């Protein structure tokens, strides 16, 4: 069910608040981020992430366009997975799985990272758990 509330400020303003929250908050969840960033609130940040009409594909494509412009053409795309050791099971994607950093199966998250590179320059353009 869509909310009929009208949000003040633009999607760009809320996106900037979200990015500030990633840097300023000790915990990376919307509630803690809204508390850490001035003039932001939980409902507007949550709405921006879950229900706003934004071009998700365009947002994900833009870092690649920017990286290619910075690195120049032709550039190469690198894919790499990396595991992060976790003690509990409360984080997303945590399971007993192969952790290459530890060289054994252990409780961890595994991320896949994509980067664009050329002549010693590199830029991470996407990441997924």
N, C-alpha and C. Protein backbone atom coordinates (compact mmCIF):
# COMPACT_ATOMS: atom_id res chain seq x y z
N UNK A 1 0.84 -1.18 0.00
CA UNK A 1 0.00 0.00 0.00
C UNK A 1 0.88 1.24 0.00
N UNK A 2 0.68 2.09 -0.92
CA UNK A 2 1.47 3.32 -1.04
C UNK A 2 0.97 4.37 -0.06
N UNK A 3 1.92 5.10 0.49
CA UNK A 3 1.57 6.16 1.43
C UNK A 3 1.12 7.40 0.66
N UNK A 4 0.15 8.11 1.22
CA UNK A 4 -0.31 9.34 0.59
C UNK A 4 0.39 10.56 1.17
N UNK A 5 1.38 10.35 2.04
CA UNK A 5 2.10 11.47 2.64
C UNK A 5 2.94 12.18 1.59
N UNK A 6 3.05 13.46 1.71
CA UNK A 6 3.91 14.26 0.81
C UNK A 6 5.22 14.51 1.52
N UNK A 7 6.33 14.19 0.88
CA UNK A 7 7.65 14.36 1.47
C UNK A 7 8.23 15.69 1.03
N UNK A 8 8.82 16.40 1.97
CA UNK A 8 9.48 17.66 1.63
C UNK A 8 10.91 17.37 1.23
N UNK A 9 11.44 18.17 0.36
CA UNK A 9 12.81 17.95 -0.11
C UNK A 9 12.82 16.99 -1.28
N UNK A 10 13.91 16.99 -2.00
CA UNK A 10 14.00 16.16 -3.20
C UNK A 10 14.61 14.80 -2.87
N UNK A 11 14.48 13.90 -3.81
CA UNK A 11 15.11 12.59 -3.67
C UNK A 11 16.62 12.77 -3.55
N UNK A 12 17.16 13.75 -4.28
CA UNK A 12 18.59 14.02 -4.21
C UNK A 12 19.01 14.45 -2.80
N UNK A 13 18.18 15.26 -2.14
CA UNK A 13 18.47 15.68 -0.76
C UNK A 13 18.51 14.47 0.17
N UNK A 14 17.53 13.59 0.03
CA UNK A 14 17.50 12.40 0.88
C UNK A 14 18.65 11.46 0.55
N UNK A 15 19.03 11.37 -0.72
CA UNK A 15 20.18 10.53 -1.10
C UNK A 15 21.46 11.07 -0.47
N UNK A 16 21.61 12.38 -0.44
CA UNK A 16 22.79 12.99 0.21
C UNK A 16 22.77 12.71 1.71
N UNK A 17 21.59 12.78 2.33
CA UNK A 17 21.48 12.47 3.76
C UNK A 17 21.83 11.00 4.00
N UNK A 18 21.41 10.12 3.11
CA UNK A 18 21.73 8.70 3.23
C UNK A 18 23.25 8.49 3.17
N UNK A 19 23.90 9.12 2.20
CA UNK A 19 25.36 8.99 2.08
C UNK A 19 26.07 9.56 3.30
N UNK A 20 25.60 10.70 3.81
CA UNK A 20 26.17 11.25 5.04
C UNK A 20 26.00 10.27 6.19
N UNK A 21 24.85 9.63 6.25
CA UNK A 21 24.58 8.66 7.31
C UNK A 21 25.52 7.47 7.24
N UNK A 22 25.89 7.05 6.03
CA UNK A 22 26.85 5.95 5.90
C UNK A 22 28.19 6.30 6.54
N UNK A 23 28.58 7.56 6.45
CA UNK A 23 29.86 7.99 7.02
C UNK A 23 29.76 8.38 8.49
N UNK A 24 28.63 8.95 8.91
CA UNK A 24 28.52 9.51 10.25
C UNK A 24 27.99 8.53 11.29
N UNK A 25 27.23 7.54 10.89
CA UNK A 25 26.60 6.64 11.84
C UNK A 25 27.52 5.48 12.19
N UNK A 26 27.50 5.09 13.46
CA UNK A 26 28.32 3.95 13.87
C UNK A 26 27.71 2.64 13.40
N UNK A 27 26.38 2.61 13.21
CA UNK A 27 25.69 1.44 12.68
C UNK A 27 25.02 1.83 11.38
N UNK A 28 25.16 0.98 10.35
CA UNK A 28 24.66 1.33 9.02
C UNK A 28 23.24 0.82 8.80
N UNK A 29 22.28 1.31 9.60
CA UNK A 29 20.88 1.04 9.31
C UNK A 29 20.16 2.38 9.26
N UNK A 30 19.02 2.42 8.61
CA UNK A 30 18.33 3.68 8.33
C UNK A 30 17.97 4.41 9.62
N UNK A 31 17.55 3.69 10.63
CA UNK A 31 17.16 4.33 11.89
C UNK A 31 18.34 5.06 12.54
N UNK A 32 19.48 4.40 12.65
CA UNK A 32 20.67 5.04 13.25
C UNK A 32 21.20 6.17 12.37
N UNK A 33 21.12 5.97 11.05
CA UNK A 33 21.61 7.01 10.13
C UNK A 33 20.74 8.26 10.23
N UNK A 34 19.42 8.09 10.37
CA UNK A 34 18.53 9.24 10.49
C UNK A 34 18.81 10.01 11.78
N UNK A 35 19.18 9.31 12.84
CA UNK A 35 19.52 9.98 14.10
C UNK A 35 20.84 10.75 13.99
N UNK A 36 21.78 10.26 13.18
CA UNK A 36 23.11 10.86 13.09
C UNK A 36 23.16 12.07 12.17
N UNK A 37 22.26 12.17 11.21
CA UNK A 37 22.32 13.22 10.20
C UNK A 37 21.28 14.30 10.51
N UNK A 38 21.74 15.54 10.56
CA UNK A 38 20.85 16.68 10.84
C UNK A 38 19.79 16.82 9.74
N UNK A 39 18.60 17.23 10.11
CA UNK A 39 17.48 17.51 9.20
C UNK A 39 17.03 16.28 8.40
N UNK A 40 17.27 15.08 8.92
CA UNK A 40 16.77 13.89 8.24
C UNK A 40 15.85 13.15 9.19
N UNK A 41 15.03 12.27 8.64
CA UNK A 41 14.18 11.45 9.49
C UNK A 41 14.04 10.07 8.88
N UNK A 42 13.72 9.11 9.72
CA UNK A 42 13.65 7.71 9.34
C UNK A 42 12.66 7.49 8.18
N UNK A 43 11.45 8.05 8.29
CA UNK A 43 10.42 7.78 7.29
C UNK A 43 10.82 8.26 5.89
N UNK A 44 11.41 9.44 5.79
CA UNK A 44 11.76 9.94 4.45
C UNK A 44 12.93 9.16 3.86
N UNK A 45 13.91 8.77 4.70
CA UNK A 45 15.02 7.95 4.18
C UNK A 45 14.52 6.58 3.76
N UNK A 46 13.68 5.97 4.58
CA UNK A 46 13.14 4.65 4.25
C UNK A 46 12.31 4.71 2.96
N UNK A 47 11.50 5.74 2.82
CA UNK A 47 10.68 5.91 1.61
C UNK A 47 11.57 6.06 0.38
N UNK A 48 12.63 6.86 0.50
CA UNK A 48 13.54 7.07 -0.63
C UNK A 48 14.15 5.73 -1.07
N UNK A 49 14.52 4.87 -0.12
CA UNK A 49 15.15 3.60 -0.47
C UNK A 49 14.16 2.56 -0.98
N UNK A 50 12.93 2.55 -0.44
CA UNK A 50 12.03 1.46 -0.76
C UNK A 50 10.95 1.77 -1.79
N UNK A 51 10.49 3.02 -1.86
CA UNK A 51 9.32 3.28 -2.70
C UNK A 51 9.44 4.46 -3.66
N UNK A 52 10.53 5.19 -3.63
CA UNK A 52 10.59 6.36 -4.51
C UNK A 52 10.72 5.93 -5.97
N UNK A 53 10.27 6.76 -6.86
CA UNK A 53 10.34 6.50 -8.29
C UNK A 53 11.66 7.02 -8.83
N UNK A 54 12.69 6.22 -8.69
CA UNK A 54 13.99 6.60 -9.22
C UNK A 54 14.43 5.53 -10.22
N UNK A 55 15.30 5.89 -11.09
CA UNK A 55 15.81 4.97 -12.10
C UNK A 55 16.93 4.14 -11.48
N UNK A 56 16.57 3.00 -10.91
CA UNK A 56 17.55 2.16 -10.21
C UNK A 56 18.66 1.69 -11.16
N UNK A 57 18.30 1.32 -12.37
CA UNK A 57 19.31 0.87 -13.33
C UNK A 57 20.27 2.01 -13.68
N UNK A 58 19.74 3.22 -13.84
CA UNK A 58 20.58 4.38 -14.13
C UNK A 58 21.51 4.72 -12.99
N UNK A 59 21.00 4.58 -11.75
CA UNK A 59 21.84 4.84 -10.57
C UNK A 59 22.99 3.85 -10.52
N UNK A 60 22.73 2.58 -10.82
CA UNK A 60 23.80 1.57 -10.80
C UNK A 60 24.74 1.71 -11.99
N UNK A 61 24.28 2.26 -13.11
CA UNK A 61 25.10 2.41 -14.30
C UNK A 61 26.04 3.62 -14.20
N UNK A 62 25.64 4.66 -13.47
CA UNK A 62 26.40 5.91 -13.43
C UNK A 62 27.83 5.75 -12.92
N UNK A 63 28.11 4.95 -11.86
CA UNK A 63 29.50 4.78 -11.44
C UNK A 63 30.39 4.18 -12.54
N UNK A 64 29.83 3.30 -13.36
CA UNK A 64 30.59 2.72 -14.48
C UNK A 64 30.92 3.80 -15.50
N UNK A 65 29.94 4.63 -15.83
CA UNK A 65 30.15 5.73 -16.78
C UNK A 65 31.22 6.68 -16.25
N UNK A 66 31.11 7.06 -14.97
CA UNK A 66 32.09 7.97 -14.36
C UNK A 66 33.48 7.36 -14.32
N UNK A 67 33.57 6.06 -13.96
CA UNK A 67 34.87 5.39 -13.89
C UNK A 67 35.51 5.29 -15.27
N UNK A 68 34.72 4.96 -16.29
CA UNK A 68 35.26 4.89 -17.65
C UNK A 68 35.74 6.26 -18.12
N UNK A 69 35.03 7.32 -17.77
CA UNK A 69 35.46 8.67 -18.14
C UNK A 69 36.76 9.02 -17.43
N UNK A 70 36.91 8.60 -16.19
CA UNK A 70 38.12 8.91 -15.41
C UNK A 70 39.31 8.07 -15.87
N UNK A 71 39.09 6.77 -16.09
CA UNK A 71 40.18 5.86 -16.46
C UNK A 71 40.51 5.93 -17.95
N UNK A 72 39.54 6.30 -18.76
CA UNK A 72 39.76 6.35 -20.21
C UNK A 72 39.41 5.02 -20.85
N UNK A 73 39.38 5.03 -22.17
CA UNK A 73 39.05 3.83 -22.93
C UNK A 73 40.28 3.34 -23.65
N UNK A 74 40.48 2.08 -23.93
CA UNK A 74 39.68 1.00 -23.38
C UNK A 74 40.09 0.71 -21.94
N UNK A 75 39.17 0.26 -21.14
CA UNK A 75 39.46 -0.12 -19.77
C UNK A 75 39.01 -1.56 -19.55
N UNK A 76 39.49 -2.16 -18.48
CA UNK A 76 39.14 -3.55 -18.18
C UNK A 76 38.25 -3.59 -16.96
N UNK A 77 37.38 -4.58 -16.92
CA UNK A 77 36.55 -4.77 -15.73
C UNK A 77 37.10 -5.95 -14.96
N UNK A 78 37.29 -5.75 -13.65
CA UNK A 78 37.78 -6.79 -12.76
C UNK A 78 36.65 -7.25 -11.85
N UNK A 79 36.56 -8.56 -11.64
CA UNK A 79 35.60 -9.13 -10.69
C UNK A 79 36.39 -9.89 -9.64
N UNK A 80 36.03 -9.71 -8.38
CA UNK A 80 36.74 -10.38 -7.30
C UNK A 80 35.77 -10.63 -6.15
N UNK A 81 35.92 -11.77 -5.50
CA UNK A 81 35.14 -12.02 -4.30
C UNK A 81 36.06 -11.92 -3.10
N UNK A 82 35.48 -11.48 -2.00
CA UNK A 82 36.24 -11.35 -0.78
C UNK A 82 35.33 -11.70 0.39
N UNK A 83 35.88 -12.38 1.39
CA UNK A 83 35.10 -12.81 2.54
C UNK A 83 35.48 -11.99 3.77
N UNK A 84 34.48 -11.78 4.63
CA UNK A 84 34.67 -11.00 5.85
C UNK A 84 34.22 -11.85 7.03
N UNK A 85 35.12 -12.14 7.95
CA UNK A 85 34.81 -12.96 9.12
C UNK A 85 33.74 -12.29 9.98
N UNK A 86 32.77 -13.07 10.43
CA UNK A 86 31.70 -12.59 11.30
C UNK A 86 31.57 -13.53 12.49
N UNK A 87 31.32 -12.97 13.67
CA UNK A 87 31.18 -13.79 14.87
C UNK A 87 29.75 -14.29 15.07
N UNK A 88 28.76 -13.47 14.80
CA UNK A 88 27.37 -13.87 15.00
C UNK A 88 26.70 -14.21 13.70
N UNK A 89 25.37 -14.25 13.74
CA UNK A 89 24.59 -14.57 12.55
C UNK A 89 23.57 -13.47 12.26
N UNK A 90 23.76 -12.28 12.80
CA UNK A 90 22.78 -11.20 12.68
C UNK A 90 22.95 -10.37 11.41
N UNK A 91 24.09 -10.41 10.77
CA UNK A 91 24.31 -9.64 9.55
C UNK A 91 23.77 -10.39 8.34
N UNK A 92 23.38 -9.65 7.31
CA UNK A 92 22.84 -10.26 6.09
C UNK A 92 23.90 -11.13 5.42
N UNK A 93 23.49 -12.29 4.95
CA UNK A 93 24.37 -13.15 4.18
C UNK A 93 25.39 -13.94 4.99
N UNK A 94 25.31 -13.91 6.32
CA UNK A 94 26.28 -14.64 7.14
C UNK A 94 25.92 -16.12 7.14
N UNK A 95 26.93 -16.95 6.88
CA UNK A 95 26.75 -18.40 6.91
C UNK A 95 28.13 -19.04 7.01
N UNK A 96 28.14 -20.33 7.30
CA UNK A 96 29.40 -21.08 7.28
C UNK A 96 29.72 -21.33 5.81
N UNK A 97 30.76 -20.68 5.33
CA UNK A 97 31.15 -20.78 3.93
C UNK A 97 32.65 -20.55 3.81
N UNK A 98 33.19 -20.82 2.63
CA UNK A 98 34.62 -20.69 2.40
C UNK A 98 35.07 -19.24 2.56
N UNK A 99 36.09 -19.04 3.39
CA UNK A 99 36.68 -17.73 3.59
C UNK A 99 38.13 -17.82 3.11
N UNK A 100 38.40 -17.28 1.93
CA UNK A 100 39.73 -17.35 1.35
C UNK A 100 40.78 -16.64 2.18
N UNK A 101 40.41 -15.57 2.88
CA UNK A 101 41.36 -14.86 3.72
C UNK A 101 41.86 -15.74 4.86
N UNK A 102 40.95 -16.56 5.41
CA UNK A 102 41.32 -17.46 6.51
C UNK A 102 41.81 -18.81 6.01
N UNK A 103 41.46 -19.15 4.77
CA UNK A 103 41.85 -20.43 4.20
C UNK A 103 41.07 -21.60 4.76
N UNK A 104 39.82 -21.36 5.19
CA UNK A 104 39.00 -22.42 5.75
C UNK A 104 37.52 -22.02 5.68
N UNK A 105 36.66 -22.99 5.96
CA UNK A 105 35.23 -22.72 6.06
C UNK A 105 34.98 -22.15 7.45
N UNK A 106 34.31 -21.00 7.50
CA UNK A 106 34.04 -20.34 8.77
C UNK A 106 32.80 -19.47 8.62
N UNK A 107 32.33 -18.91 9.72
CA UNK A 107 31.19 -17.99 9.72
C UNK A 107 31.64 -16.67 9.08
N UNK A 108 31.05 -16.30 7.94
CA UNK A 108 31.50 -15.08 7.26
C UNK A 108 30.45 -14.60 6.26
N UNK A 109 30.69 -13.40 5.76
CA UNK A 109 29.96 -12.85 4.62
C UNK A 109 30.90 -12.89 3.43
N UNK A 110 30.34 -13.12 2.25
CA UNK A 110 31.15 -13.10 1.03
C UNK A 110 30.58 -12.03 0.12
N UNK A 111 31.45 -11.15 -0.34
CA UNK A 111 31.04 -10.09 -1.25
C UNK A 111 31.69 -10.25 -2.60
N UNK A 112 30.99 -9.86 -3.64
CA UNK A 112 31.53 -9.85 -5.00
C UNK A 112 31.66 -8.39 -5.41
N UNK A 113 32.85 -8.03 -5.88
CA UNK A 113 33.15 -6.64 -6.21
C UNK A 113 33.52 -6.52 -7.68
N UNK A 114 33.04 -5.46 -8.33
CA UNK A 114 33.38 -5.17 -9.72
C UNK A 114 34.12 -3.83 -9.75
N UNK A 115 35.20 -3.78 -10.52
CA UNK A 115 35.98 -2.55 -10.65
C UNK A 115 36.35 -2.34 -12.11
N UNK A 116 36.55 -1.09 -12.47
CA UNK A 116 37.03 -0.71 -13.80
C UNK A 116 38.45 -0.21 -13.61
N UNK A 117 39.38 -0.64 -14.49
CA UNK A 117 40.78 -0.27 -14.32
C UNK A 117 41.47 -0.03 -15.67
N UNK A 118 42.47 0.83 -15.63
CA UNK A 118 43.33 1.08 -16.78
C UNK A 118 44.56 1.85 -16.31
N UNK A 119 45.73 1.43 -16.73
CA UNK A 119 47.00 2.13 -16.46
C UNK A 119 47.18 2.51 -15.00
N UNK A 120 46.95 1.56 -14.10
CA UNK A 120 47.17 1.82 -12.68
C UNK A 120 46.05 2.55 -11.96
N UNK A 121 45.03 2.98 -12.67
CA UNK A 121 43.86 3.60 -12.05
C UNK A 121 42.79 2.54 -11.90
N UNK A 122 42.05 2.58 -10.80
CA UNK A 122 40.96 1.62 -10.60
C UNK A 122 39.84 2.30 -9.82
N UNK A 123 38.63 1.85 -10.08
CA UNK A 123 37.46 2.37 -9.38
C UNK A 123 36.47 1.24 -9.18
N UNK A 124 36.05 1.00 -7.93
CA UNK A 124 35.02 0.01 -7.65
C UNK A 124 33.70 0.59 -8.14
N UNK A 125 32.98 -0.18 -8.95
CA UNK A 125 31.74 0.31 -9.54
C UNK A 125 30.50 -0.44 -9.07
N UNK A 126 30.67 -1.61 -8.41
CA UNK A 126 29.52 -2.34 -7.91
C UNK A 126 29.98 -3.35 -6.88
N UNK A 127 29.08 -3.70 -5.99
CA UNK A 127 29.36 -4.70 -4.96
C UNK A 127 28.06 -5.36 -4.54
N UNK A 128 28.11 -6.65 -4.28
CA UNK A 128 26.94 -7.42 -3.84
C UNK A 128 27.38 -8.44 -2.80
N UNK A 129 26.51 -8.70 -1.81
CA UNK A 129 26.77 -9.80 -0.88
C UNK A 129 26.37 -11.09 -1.54
